[in-house]
Protein backbone atom coordinates (compact mmCIF):
# COMPACT_ATOMS: atom_id res chain seq x y z
CA MET A 1 0.00 0.00 0.00
CA LYS A 2 1.41 3.37 -1.00
CA LEU A 3 0.44 6.55 0.77
CA HIS A 4 0.75 9.81 -1.15
CA ARG A 5 0.31 13.09 0.63
CA ALA A 6 0.66 16.60 -0.73
CA PHE A 7 1.78 19.57 1.30
CA GLN A 8 -0.61 22.42 2.05
CA VAL A 9 1.39 24.77 -0.19
CA ASP A 10 1.04 22.38 -3.13
CA CYS A 11 -2.71 22.06 -2.58
CA ARG A 12 -3.19 25.81 -2.57
CA ALA A 13 -1.61 26.06 -6.02
CA CYS A 14 -3.63 23.14 -7.42
CA LEU A 15 -6.47 24.05 -9.78
CA PHE A 16 -8.46 20.94 -8.79
CA LYS A 17 -8.40 21.44 -5.02
CA ALA A 18 -11.93 22.81 -4.86
CA SER A 19 -13.36 19.71 -6.52
CA TRP A 20 -11.23 17.13 -4.66
CA VAL A 21 -10.96 18.41 -1.12
CA PRO A 22 -12.98 21.59 -0.67
CA LYS A 23 -12.62 21.80 3.13
CA ALA A 24 -9.24 20.13 3.69
CA ASP A 25 -5.78 21.63 3.66
CA TYR A 26 -4.16 18.63 1.95
CA LYS A 27 -4.95 15.60 -0.17
CA GLN A 28 -4.06 12.08 0.92
CA LEU A 29 -4.27 9.15 -1.50
CA MET A 30 -3.83 5.49 -0.71
CA ARG A 31 -2.92 3.26 -3.65
CA SER A 32 -2.66 -0.49 -3.63
CA ALA A 33 0.30 -2.37 -5.07
CA PHE A 34 -2.26 -3.98 -7.40
CA ASP A 35 -3.70 -0.70 -8.68
CA ASP A 36 -2.39 -1.23 -12.22
CA ALA A 37 -3.97 -4.70 -12.35
CA TYR A 38 -7.30 -3.29 -11.13
CA ARG A 39 -7.25 -0.63 -13.84
CA ARG A 40 -6.44 -3.17 -16.57
CA ALA A 41 -9.24 -5.47 -15.40
CA CYS A 42 -11.71 -2.59 -15.32
CA HIS A 43 -10.70 -1.55 -18.82
CA ARG A 44 -11.09 -5.15 -20.07
CA GLN A 45 -14.57 -5.45 -18.53
CA ARG A 46 -15.72 -2.31 -20.30
CA SER A 47 -14.53 -3.42 -23.73
CA PRO A 48 -17.15 -4.24 -26.40
CA GLN A 49 -16.02 -7.88 -26.49
CA ALA A 50 -16.56 -8.25 -22.75
CA GLN A 51 -19.99 -6.62 -23.02
CA ASP A 52 -20.99 -9.11 -25.73
CA LEU A 53 -19.82 -12.03 -23.60
CA ARG A 54 -21.76 -10.68 -20.63
CA ARG A 55 -24.97 -10.49 -22.68
CA ILE A 56 -24.49 -14.12 -23.76
CA LEU A 57 -23.82 -15.17 -20.18
CA LEU A 58 -26.96 -13.44 -18.92
CA ARG A 59 -29.08 -15.16 -21.58
CA THR A 60 -27.68 -18.68 -21.29
CA ILE A 61 -26.02 -19.48 -17.97
CA LYS A 62 -27.60 -17.18 -15.38
CA PRO A 63 -31.23 -18.34 -15.88
CA VAL A 64 -30.17 -21.95 -15.26
CA PHE A 65 -28.64 -21.11 -11.89
CA GLY A 66 -31.68 -18.99 -11.03
CA SER A 67 -34.06 -21.90 -11.61
CA LEU A 68 -31.93 -24.28 -9.52
CA ARG A 69 -32.14 -22.02 -6.50
CA PRO A 70 -34.85 -23.09 -3.98
C-alpha cells in the first residue's frame, strides 16, 4: 500500500483542489500495489467484447442457476 500526501502549499496552487478536497488543507491518496492490475481489469470489462460475452452469459447461464435455487 502506497500513501501519497501533498503539502498544504502544493494544494493551494492546485487548480483541482476545490473539486477534490474543498474543506481540507491537503490531499491524501492510498494506492494499492495492485492498482495497475485493477485498472487493466476494469478496462477489459468495459470493452465491447466483454460486453458481448456478458450479454451471452446473462441469456444462457444465469437463468439456469436462477431456476436451480430453492
